Amino acid sequence: MVVTRFAPSPTGYLHIGGLRTALYNYLWARKNGGEFKLRIEDTDLSRNSAEATKKIIEAFEWVGMDYDGEPVYQSDRFDLYKSYILKLLDEGKAYKCYMTKEELDKLREEQMARKERPRYDGRYRDFTGTPPEGVEPVIRIKAPLEGEIVFEDGIKGTITIKASEVDDFIIARSDGTPTYNFVVAIDDALMGMTDVIRGDDHLYNTPKQIIVYEALGFRLPRFYHVPMILGPDGKKLSKRHGATDVMEYKAQGFLPEALLNFLVRLGWSHGDQEIFTLEEMLEHFDPSDINASASQYNPDKLLWLNAHYIKNSSNERLAKLLEDFGLYLLSHDKREILLDIFKERCKTVKEIAEQIKEVLETPENYDEKAIKKAMKGNAAEILEAFAQKIETAGELHLPTDYHALMEAFVSEMEIGFGKIGMPLRVALIGRLGGPDLSDVMSIVGKEETLLRIRRLLDFIETSNASS
């Protein structure tokens, strides 16, 4: 059975690089009918944040990636790690090192002066003398002194590290707390991990973890080290590119399925296919097919995908999502026409909310450039004439009713459509651009349309008088 995991540190938010790693692990486990587990790596007690842990779990819930069992917290397992440290000490596979920080710093300076790679020199590896007073020792594991550490990476191929590249690294600090590479190896082994899919920033942690695996007699999992995500400028992805809190994508109006579709394609492909349902991801995904080179974050691609999923969402779902943006349409009598219009033209749920509010709310102010462009010459007179045309018209309900009225008006006035279209648009929504005018008038109704026209005309008259 395939068992995978995602193991974030709760020292900050879950960013999209982490979510992509989690997605790859999730897909591989679920595709194979296996288990996907969540482990919170919270051994750094000084930097842990309960709020960060909560946000990580909240992000998983939002995107709909369920994990098996309860999250495992490393902070609950210190006694377990201590027992394995004692086991290695008892078996002579680890030892106490009494080297002080000052001694280590001096050693490194000397090595660098000789143009050698700084590394611990093993001086306490076989120490049997009297320990120096006043020094709390660290615990170091005995790394191999010769040969090579070799493992197969499912993405990068055979990785070979010379034993001389790995020193006797610390597995427990002087205060007794275990170190990252030690606890990760133990947890992955005891939690039954068969496949470890993680960022390639961990590639050179793997030889150290293999040393721990072998010292404790654990079976090695398969490793897949995923290349990093680069920003649009080709540099490491950072906050300015969009490597922000996953939940910020929700706040910006992205749909979870769009974000997952975007992330699965950042480093993996299946032919030329761009749009994947979760079922299709599960059918086709294989970590061996992940690209060996870094992928590039493209915000326009994410917006394109999000627009696709918005267009294909039901109006009822969108109405519920819009409530997060202060817009309540579930019982609105114009809900269907509003959402039919705006889900075709908007790329985010937030944008839908903003544009619908713009239509439903009477403008409080007007775009200055739009006023200058739209209200030139006799525009005010034309707008007044159109208001009178509306007042004397019979029942007006559908967009087609308003469109027919506008066509009749421009024909009678012998003017181009833009002569009424631009000033009317400014009157209705306060700026140029926006949805079809017939749709807007149908949504707000006859009385509100007249009110907005009169308000703009009053504003123009007052502005002219004061100037």
Protein backbone atom coordinates (compact mmCIF):
# COMPACT_ATOMS: atom_id res chain seq x y z
CA MET A 1 0.00 0.00 0.00
CA VAL A 2 1.23 3.47 -0.87
CA VAL A 3 1.53 5.77 2.15
CA THR A 4 2.51 9.43 1.71
CA ARG A 5 2.55 12.48 3.92
CA PHE A 6 2.73 16.23 4.04
CA ALA A 7 4.79 17.58 6.91
CA PRO A 8 4.70 21.38 7.34
CA SER A 9 6.33 23.35 10.13
CA PRO A 10 3.77 25.59 11.88
CA THR A 11 6.02 28.64 11.94
CA GLY A 12 4.05 30.53 9.30
CA TYR A 13 1.29 30.22 6.74
CA LEU A 14 0.94 27.44 4.18
CA HIS A 15 2.13 28.85 0.86
CA ILE A 16 1.38 27.48 -2.58
CA GLY A 17 4.70 25.66 -2.95
CA GLY A 18 3.78 23.67 0.14
CA LEU A 19 0.27 23.08 -1.15
CA ARG A 20 1.64 21.75 -4.45
CA THR A 21 3.83 19.27 -2.54
CA ALA A 22 0.82 18.22 -0.47
CA LEU A 23 -1.27 17.80 -3.63
CA TYR A 24 1.30 15.52 -5.27
CA ASN A 25 1.43 13.34 -2.14
CA TYR A 26 -2.37 13.32 -1.88
CA LEU A 27 -2.88 12.30 -5.52
CA TRP A 28 -0.32 9.50 -5.41
CA ALA A 29 -1.80 7.99 -2.23
CA ARG A 30 -5.42 8.29 -3.36
CA LYS A 31 -4.67 6.98 -6.86
CA ASN A 32 -3.21 3.83 -5.33
CA GLY A 33 -5.91 3.37 -2.70
CA GLY A 34 -3.34 4.18 -0.03
CA GLU A 35 -3.10 6.63 2.85
CA PHE A 36 -2.22 10.31 2.94
CA LYS A 37 -1.15 11.62 6.34
CA LEU A 38 -0.58 15.05 7.84
CA ARG A 39 2.32 15.56 10.23
CA ILE A 40 2.91 18.86 11.99
CA GLU A 41 6.66 19.29 12.50
CA ASP A 42 6.54 21.46 15.60
CA THR A 43 9.76 20.54 17.40
CA ASP A 44 10.97 24.16 17.27
CA LEU A 45 8.97 25.16 20.34
CA SER A 46 10.20 28.78 20.26
CA ARG A 47 8.87 29.44 16.76
CA ASN A 48 5.69 27.33 16.67
CA SER A 49 2.36 29.06 16.23
CA ALA A 50 -0.98 27.52 17.11
CA GLU A 51 -2.54 29.99 14.68
CA ALA A 52 -0.26 28.74 11.87
CA THR A 53 -1.29 25.13 12.58
CA LYS A 54 -4.95 26.16 12.47
CA LYS A 55 -4.40 27.95 9.14
CA ILE A 56 -2.68 24.91 7.61
CA ILE A 57 -5.60 22.65 8.52
CA GLU A 58 -8.08 25.31 7.35
CA ALA A 59 -6.31 25.43 3.96
CA PHE A 60 -6.60 21.65 3.59
CA GLU A 61 -10.32 21.86 4.34
CA TRP A 62 -10.82 24.67 1.81
CA VAL A 63 -9.18 22.82 -1.08
CA GLY A 64 -10.90 19.56 -0.09
CA MET A 65 -7.79 17.44 0.47
CA ASP A 66 -8.70 15.04 3.23
CA TYR A 67 -5.98 13.24 5.17
CA ASP A 68 -6.19 9.92 6.97
CA GLY A 69 -6.46 9.84 10.74
CA GLU A 70 -5.61 12.71 13.04
CA PRO A 71 -2.64 15.01 12.39
CA VAL A 72 0.55 13.74 14.03
CA TYR A 73 2.36 16.35 16.13
CA GLN A 74 6.08 15.86 16.60
CA SER A 75 5.94 17.81 19.87
CA ASP A 76 3.95 14.88 21.31
CA ARG A 77 6.71 12.41 20.44
CA PHE A 78 9.79 13.68 22.31
CA ASP A 79 9.87 10.64 24.59
CA LEU A 80 9.83 8.39 21.51
CA TYR A 81 12.75 10.25 19.91
CA LYS A 82 14.67 10.12 23.21
CA SER A 83 14.27 6.34 23.32
CA TYR A 84 15.84 6.02 19.85
CA ILE A 85 18.70 8.34 20.82
CA LEU A 86 19.44 6.09 23.83
CA LYS A 87 19.21 3.02 21.59
CA LEU A 88 21.86 4.42 19.23
CA LEU A 89 24.09 5.40 22.17
CA ASP A 90 23.75 1.91 23.69
CA GLU A 91 24.62 0.28 20.36
CA GLY A 92 27.65 2.52 19.81
CA LYS A 93 26.10 4.06 16.70
CA ALA A 94 25.97 7.51 18.27
CA TYR A 95 28.09 9.33 20.83
CA LYS A 96 28.28 12.35 23.09
CA CYS A 97 30.28 15.25 21.71
CA TYR A 98 31.65 17.81 24.16
CA MET A 99 32.97 20.25 21.58
CA THR A 100 32.10 23.83 22.51
CA LYS A 101 30.73 26.38 20.08
CA GLU A 102 34.01 28.29 20.33
CA GLU A 103 36.00 25.19 19.42
CA LEU A 104 33.69 24.44 16.51
CA ASP A 105 33.95 28.03 15.22
CA LYS A 106 37.75 27.88 15.44
CA LEU A 107 37.81 24.55 13.57
CA ARG A 108 35.66 25.98 10.79
CA GLU A 109 37.86 29.07 10.45
CA GLU A 110 40.97 26.88 10.12
CA GLN A 111 39.27 24.64 7.54
CA MET A 112 38.12 27.61 5.47
CA ALA A 113 41.61 29.14 5.63
CA ARG A 114 42.87 25.88 4.10
CA LYS A 115 40.05 26.12 1.53
CA GLU A 116 38.44 22.97 2.92
CA ARG A 117 34.73 22.41 3.30
CA PRO A 118 33.81 23.15 6.95
CA ARG A 119 32.85 19.97 8.78
CA TYR A 120 33.06 18.41 12.20
CA ASP A 121 36.31 16.47 12.53
CA GLY A 122 35.01 13.53 14.60
CA ARG A 123 37.26 14.26 17.59
CA TYR A 124 34.82 12.75 20.09
CA ARG A 125 33.75 9.82 17.88
CA ASP A 126 35.73 7.27 19.86
CA PHE A 127 36.38 9.33 22.98
CA THR A 128 36.85 7.31 26.18
CA GLY A 129 38.46 9.90 28.41
CA THR A 130 37.04 12.11 31.13
CA PRO A 131 34.43 14.54 29.78
CA PRO A 132 35.32 18.25 30.17
CA GLU A 133 33.52 19.96 33.02
CA GLY A 134 30.66 22.39 32.44
CA VAL A 135 29.89 21.27 28.89
CA GLU A 136 26.50 19.80 28.07
CA PRO A 137 27.18 17.43 25.18
CA VAL A 138 25.31 17.14 21.92
CA ILE A 139 24.63 13.68 20.49
CA ARG A 140 26.15 12.90 17.11
CA ILE A 141 25.43 9.88 14.92
CA LYS A 142 28.29 7.92 13.42
CA ALA A 143 28.24 8.55 9.67
CA PRO A 144 30.12 6.18 7.34
CA LEU A 145 33.80 7.14 6.99
CA GLU A 146 34.27 5.77 3.48
CA GLY A 147 32.33 4.76 0.40
CA GLU A 148 29.22 6.40 -0.96
CA ILE A 149 25.61 6.98 -0.05
CA VAL A 150 23.52 6.10 -3.10
CA PHE A 151 19.77 6.32 -3.58
CA GLU A 152 17.32 6.39 -6.46
CA ASP A 153 15.31 9.58 -6.81
CA GLY A 154 12.07 9.09 -8.75
CA ILE A 155 12.52 12.45 -10.48
CA LYS A 156 16.27 13.10 -10.59
CA GLY A 157 17.54 9.55 -11.07
CA THR A 158 20.50 8.05 -9.19
CA ILE A 159 21.95 10.35 -6.54
CA THR A 160 25.45 9.54 -5.28
CA ILE A 161 27.00 11.33 -2.31
CA LYS A 162 30.52 10.57 -1.11
CA ALA A 163 30.67 9.57 2.55
CA SER A 164 33.25 12.33 3.06
CA GLU A 165 30.52 14.87 2.28
CA VAL A 166 28.52 13.90 5.37
CA ASP A 167 30.03 14.39 8.82
CA ASP A 168 28.87 12.98 12.15
CA PHE A 169 25.87 15.28 12.34
CA ILE A 170 24.00 16.20 15.50
CA ILE A 171 20.86 14.20 16.28
CA ALA A 172 20.17 15.78 19.70
CA ARG A 173 21.11 19.24 20.90
CA SER A 174 22.74 19.93 24.26
CA ASP A 175 19.31 20.58 25.81
CA GLY A 176 18.16 17.13 24.67
CA THR A 177 15.86 18.27 21.85
CA PRO A 178 16.20 16.13 18.71
CA THR A 179 17.14 17.59 15.33
CA TYR A 180 15.17 17.73 12.11
CA ASN A 181 16.81 14.98 10.07
CA PHE A 182 16.68 12.54 12.99
CA VAL A 183 12.99 12.94 13.83
CA VAL A 184 11.90 13.05 10.17
CA ALA A 185 13.55 9.71 9.46
CA ILE A 186 12.01 8.12 12.57
CA ASP A 187 8.53 9.49 11.86
CA ASP A 188 8.55 8.55 8.20
CA ALA A 189 9.61 5.01 9.11
CA LEU A 190 7.18 4.53 12.01
CA MET A 191 4.27 6.11 10.11
CA GLY A 192 4.87 3.58 7.32
CA MET A 193 5.85 5.99 4.55
CA THR A 194 6.45 4.17 1.30
CA ASP A 195 6.91 7.30 -0.83
CA VAL A 196 8.34 10.66 0.25
CA ILE A 197 7.53 13.42 -2.23
CA ARG A 198 9.03 16.75 -1.18
CA GLY A 199 10.82 19.85 -2.43
CA ASP A 200 14.33 19.46 -3.77
CA ASP A 201 15.56 21.82 -1.08
CA HIS A 202 15.54 18.60 1.00
CA LEU A 203 17.69 16.67 -1.48
CA TYR A 204 20.84 16.91 0.63
CA ASN A 205 18.96 16.09 3.82
CA THR A 206 18.20 12.70 2.34
CA PRO A 207 21.70 11.17 2.78
CA LYS A 208 21.60 12.12 6.48
CA GLN A 209 18.17 10.60 6.86
CA ILE A 210 19.37 7.43 5.11
CA ILE A 211 22.14 7.17 7.73
CA VAL A 212 19.46 7.31 10.45
CA TYR A 213 17.30 4.75 8.64
CA GLU A 214 20.19 2.33 8.33
CA ALA A 215 21.41 2.85 11.91
CA LEU A 216 17.96 1.96 13.22
CA GLY A 217 17.30 -0.85 10.76
CA PHE A 218 14.37 0.88 9.04
CA ARG A 219 13.29 0.22 5.45
CA LEU A 220 13.94 3.11 3.05
CA PRO A 221 10.99 4.74 1.28
CA ARG A 222 11.06 5.84 -2.35
CA PHE A 223 12.17 9.47 -2.67
CA TYR A 224 10.95 12.08 -5.14
CA HIS A 225 12.48 15.54 -4.91
CA VAL A 226 10.33 18.11 -6.69
CA PRO A 227 12.06 21.13 -8.30
CA MET A 228 11.14 24.54 -6.94
CA ILE A 229 8.66 27.01 -8.38
CA LEU A 230 10.17 30.14 -9.92
CA GLY A 231 8.49 33.52 -10.21
CA PRO A 232 7.55 35.02 -13.60
CA ASP A 233 10.95 36.77 -13.56
CA GLY A 234 12.79 33.45 -13.26
CA LYS A 235 13.85 34.07 -9.66
CA LYS A 236 12.88 32.05 -6.61
CA LEU A 237 9.16 32.39 -5.91
CA SER A 238 8.54 34.92 -3.17
CA LYS A 239 5.67 36.83 -1.58
CA ARG A 240 5.76 39.50 -4.29
CA HIS A 241 5.11 36.82 -6.93
CA GLY A 242 2.19 35.24 -5.12
CA ALA A 243 3.86 32.81 -2.69
CA THR A 244 1.45 33.95 -0.06
CA ASP A 245 -0.92 32.29 2.38
CA VAL A 246 -3.09 29.75 0.56
CA MET A 247 -6.15 31.25 2.26
CA GLU A 248 -5.32 34.59 0.68
CA TYR A 249 -6.26 33.01 -2.65
CA LYS A 250 -9.71 32.37 -1.22
CA ALA A 251 -9.87 36.00 -0.07
CA GLN A 252 -8.95 37.10 -3.60
CA GLY A 253 -11.83 35.10 -5.04
CA PHE A 254 -10.11 32.02 -6.44
CA LEU A 255 -11.90 28.68 -6.48
CA PRO A 256 -10.08 25.75 -4.85
CA GLU A 257 -10.38 23.55 -7.93
CA ALA A 258 -8.75 26.27 -10.05
CA LEU A 259 -5.84 26.57 -7.62
CA LEU A 260 -5.31 22.80 -7.52
CA ASN A 261 -5.51 22.56 -11.32
CA PHE A 262 -2.95 25.37 -11.56
CA LEU A 263 -0.60 23.75 -9.04
CA VAL A 264 -0.72 20.23 -10.49
CA ARG A 265 0.47 21.68 -13.81
CA LEU A 266 3.39 23.51 -12.18
CA GLY A 267 5.86 20.75 -12.85
CA TRP A 268 3.69 17.91 -14.15
CA SER A 269 1.81 17.38 -17.40
CA HIS A 270 -0.30 14.86 -19.28
CA GLY A 271 0.05 15.54 -22.98
CA ASP A 272 -1.26 18.99 -23.87
CA GLN A 273 -4.16 18.87 -21.42
CA GLU A 274 -4.53 22.04 -19.35
CA ILE A 275 -7.80 21.56 -17.49
CA PHE A 276 -8.04 18.66 -15.06
CA THR A 277 -10.84 17.60 -12.78
CA LEU A 278 -9.69 15.96 -9.56
CA GLU A 279 -10.79 12.63 -11.03
CA GLU A 280 -8.56 13.21 -14.08
CA MET A 281 -5.62 14.17 -11.86
CA LEU A 282 -6.08 10.94 -9.92
CA GLU A 283 -6.27 8.92 -13.13
CA HIS A 284 -3.15 10.32 -14.76
CA PHE A 285 -0.79 11.53 -12.01
CA ASP A 286 2.48 9.71 -11.42
CA PRO A 287 5.33 11.38 -9.50
CA SER A 288 7.83 9.82 -11.90
CA ASP A 289 6.41 12.16 -14.57
CA ILE A 290 7.22 15.33 -12.59
CA ASN A 291 9.61 17.56 -14.54
CA ALA A 292 13.22 17.52 -13.40
CA SER A 293 13.56 21.27 -14.04
CA ALA A 294 11.96 24.15 -12.14
CA SER A 295 8.53 25.42 -13.18
CA GLN A 296 7.43 29.03 -13.52
CA TYR A 297 4.53 30.70 -11.75
CA ASN A 298 2.19 32.38 -14.24
CA PRO A 299 -0.53 34.52 -12.59
CA ASP A 300 -2.35 34.98 -15.92
CA LYS A 301 -2.67 31.20 -16.27
CA LEU A 302 -4.20 30.99 -12.79
CA LEU A 303 -6.72 33.73 -13.66
CA TRP A 304 -7.58 31.95 -16.92
CA LEU A 305 -8.22 28.69 -15.09
CA ASN A 306 -10.25 30.44 -12.41
CA ALA A 307 -12.41 32.13 -15.05
CA HIS A 308 -13.05 28.70 -16.60
CA TYR A 309 -14.21 27.21 -13.30
CA ILE A 310 -16.34 30.25 -12.48
CA LYS A 311 -18.13 30.01 -15.85
CA ASN A 312 -18.87 26.36 -15.12
CA SER A 313 -20.12 26.91 -11.56
CA SER A 314 -23.81 26.92 -10.72
CA ASN A 315 -25.37 30.25 -9.84
CA GLU A 316 -26.41 28.87 -6.48
CA ARG A 317 -22.82 28.00 -5.62
CA LEU A 318 -21.57 31.40 -6.74
CA ALA A 319 -24.28 33.14 -4.71
CA LYS A 320 -23.08 31.31 -1.60
CA LEU A 321 -19.43 32.16 -2.33
CA LEU A 322 -20.33 35.82 -2.82
CA GLU A 323 -21.54 36.03 0.77
CA ASP A 324 -17.86 36.04 1.83
CA PHE A 325 -17.61 39.33 -0.08
CA GLY A 326 -20.64 40.94 1.54
CA LEU A 327 -23.05 40.24 -1.31
CA TYR A 328 -26.25 38.33 -0.56
CA LEU A 329 -28.04 37.14 -3.70
CA LEU A 330 -29.56 33.78 -2.77
CA SER A 331 -33.04 35.30 -2.51
CA HIS A 332 -32.49 38.27 -4.86
CA ASP A 333 -35.10 38.42 -7.63
CA LYS A 334 -32.42 39.26 -10.23
CA ARG A 335 -29.93 36.64 -9.06
CA GLU A 336 -29.94 34.57 -12.25
CA ILE A 337 -29.50 37.43 -14.68
CA LEU A 338 -26.82 39.03 -12.50
CA LEU A 339 -24.75 35.86 -12.21
CA ASP A 340 -25.29 34.82 -15.83
CA ILE A 341 -23.87 38.18 -16.89
CA PHE A 342 -20.93 38.48 -14.55
CA LYS A 343 -19.65 34.93 -14.42
CA GLU A 344 -18.99 35.22 -18.16
CA ARG A 345 -16.88 38.36 -17.80
CA CYS A 346 -15.13 38.07 -14.42
CA LYS A 347 -12.03 36.08 -13.47
CA THR A 348 -12.50 35.96 -9.69
CA VAL A 349 -15.43 35.76 -7.28
CA LYS A 350 -14.17 39.00 -5.73
CA GLU A 351 -14.39 40.71 -9.12
CA ILE A 352 -17.96 39.42 -9.55
CA ALA A 353 -18.87 40.89 -6.16
CA GLU A 354 -17.32 44.26 -7.00
CA GLN A 355 -19.02 44.52 -10.37
CA ILE A 356 -22.42 43.40 -9.10
CA LYS A 357 -22.24 45.91 -6.24
CA GLU A 358 -21.39 48.55 -8.83
CA VAL A 359 -24.61 47.73 -10.68
CA LEU A 360 -26.88 47.34 -7.65
CA GLU A 361 -25.68 50.42 -5.74
CA THR A 362 -26.50 53.95 -6.90
CA PRO A 363 -23.20 55.71 -7.77
CA GLU A 364 -21.97 58.00 -5.02
CA ASN A 365 -19.36 59.61 -7.26
CA TYR A 366 -18.23 59.59 -10.87
CA ASP A 367 -14.97 58.87 -12.63
CA GLU A 368 -13.53 62.26 -13.65
CA LYS A 369 -12.07 61.06 -16.95
CA ALA A 370 -15.35 59.36 -17.81
CA ILE A 371 -17.29 62.59 -17.11
CA LYS A 372 -14.98 64.61 -19.39
CA LYS A 373 -15.23 62.07 -22.20
CA ALA A 374 -18.94 61.26 -21.94
CA MET A 375 -20.50 64.63 -21.07
CA LYS A 376 -19.08 66.75 -23.90
CA GLY A 377 -21.24 69.00 -26.08
CA ASN A 378 -24.97 68.35 -25.83
CA ALA A 379 -24.62 65.03 -23.91
CA ALA A 380 -26.70 66.37 -20.99
CA GLU A 381 -29.57 67.30 -23.31
CA ILE A 382 -29.47 63.87 -24.98
CA LEU A 383 -29.50 62.16 -21.58
CA GLU A 384 -32.45 64.29 -20.46
CA ALA A 385 -34.33 63.41 -23.64
CA PHE A 386 -33.68 59.71 -23.00
CA ALA A 387 -34.99 60.03 -19.44
CA GLN A 388 -38.21 61.48 -20.84
CA LYS A 389 -38.39 58.61 -23.33
CA ILE A 390 -38.19 56.12 -20.41
CA GLU A 391 -40.83 58.01 -18.41
CA THR A 392 -43.36 57.89 -21.26
CA ALA A 393 -42.62 54.25 -22.15
CA GLY A 394 -44.97 51.52 -21.00
CA GLU A 395 -43.89 48.43 -19.06
CA LEU A 396 -40.15 47.81 -19.16
CA HIS A 397 -38.81 44.59 -17.62
CA LEU A 398 -36.52 42.53 -19.83
CA PRO A 399 -33.17 43.59 -21.30
CA THR A 400 -34.80 43.32 -24.73
CA ASP A 401 -37.39 45.93 -23.67
CA TYR A 402 -34.67 48.43 -22.83
CA HIS A 403 -32.63 47.59 -25.90
CA ALA A 404 -35.64 48.23 -28.18
CA LEU A 405 -36.23 51.55 -26.39
CA MET A 406 -32.62 52.63 -26.95
CA GLU A 407 -32.75 51.64 -30.62
CA ALA A 408 -35.93 53.65 -31.11
CA PHE A 409 -34.37 56.64 -29.31
CA VAL A 410 -31.16 56.82 -31.37
CA SER A 411 -33.25 56.44 -34.54
CA GLU A 412 -35.59 59.31 -33.56
CA MET A 413 -32.69 61.55 -32.49
CA GLU A 414 -30.64 60.56 -35.55
CA ILE A 415 -27.53 60.05 -33.42
CA GLY A 416 -24.93 57.34 -33.05
CA PHE A 417 -25.39 54.82 -30.25
CA GLY A 418 -22.33 56.18 -28.42
CA LYS A 419 -23.98 59.59 -28.02
CA ILE A 420 -26.44 58.10 -25.51
CA GLY A 421 -24.40 55.02 -24.51
CA MET A 422 -21.49 56.85 -22.87
CA PRO A 423 -23.43 59.36 -20.74
CA LEU A 424 -25.97 56.69 -19.80
CA ARG A 425 -23.19 54.34 -18.68
CA VAL A 426 -21.67 57.02 -16.44
CA ALA A 427 -25.13 57.72 -14.98
CA LEU A 428 -25.79 54.04 -14.27
CA ILE A 429 -22.46 52.84 -12.84
CA GLY A 430 -20.30 55.95 -12.44
CA ARG A 431 -17.70 55.07 -15.08
CA LEU A 432 -17.20 53.91 -18.64
CA GLY A 433 -16.98 50.16 -19.29
CA GLY A 434 -19.05 47.52 -17.57
CA PRO A 435 -21.87 45.23 -18.69
CA ASP A 436 -24.49 45.76 -21.38
CA LEU A 437 -26.62 48.84 -20.62
CA SER A 438 -29.86 47.00 -21.37
CA ASP A 439 -28.90 44.40 -18.76
CA VAL A 440 -28.09 47.05 -16.16
CA MET A 441 -31.38 48.90 -16.67
CA SER A 442 -33.33 45.65 -16.55
CA ILE A 443 -31.62 44.71 -13.27
CA VAL A 444 -32.07 48.05 -11.47
CA GLY A 445 -35.52 48.78 -12.98
CA LYS A 446 -37.20 51.81 -14.51
CA GLU A 447 -37.40 54.02 -11.39
CA GLU A 448 -33.81 53.46 -10.34
CA THR A 449 -32.60 54.08 -13.91
CA LEU A 450 -34.40 57.45 -13.92
CA LEU A 451 -33.04 58.27 -10.46
CA ARG A 452 -29.46 57.65 -11.60
CA ILE A 453 -29.87 59.71 -14.75
CA ARG A 454 -31.31 62.65 -12.74
CA ARG A 455 -28.49 62.42 -10.20
CA LEU A 456 -25.85 62.68 -12.92
CA LEU A 457 -27.64 65.57 -14.58
CA ASP A 458 -27.86 67.36 -11.22
CA PHE A 459 -24.17 66.72 -10.63
CA ILE A 460 -23.26 68.16 -14.06
CA GLU A 461 -25.46 71.20 -13.52
CA THR A 462 -23.95 71.86 -10.08
CA SER A 463 -20.40 71.36 -11.41
CA ASN A 464 -21.01 73.77 -14.29
CA ALA A 465 -22.51 76.38 -11.97
CA SER A 466 -19.56 76.24 -9.56
CA SER A 467 -17.02 76.53 -12.37
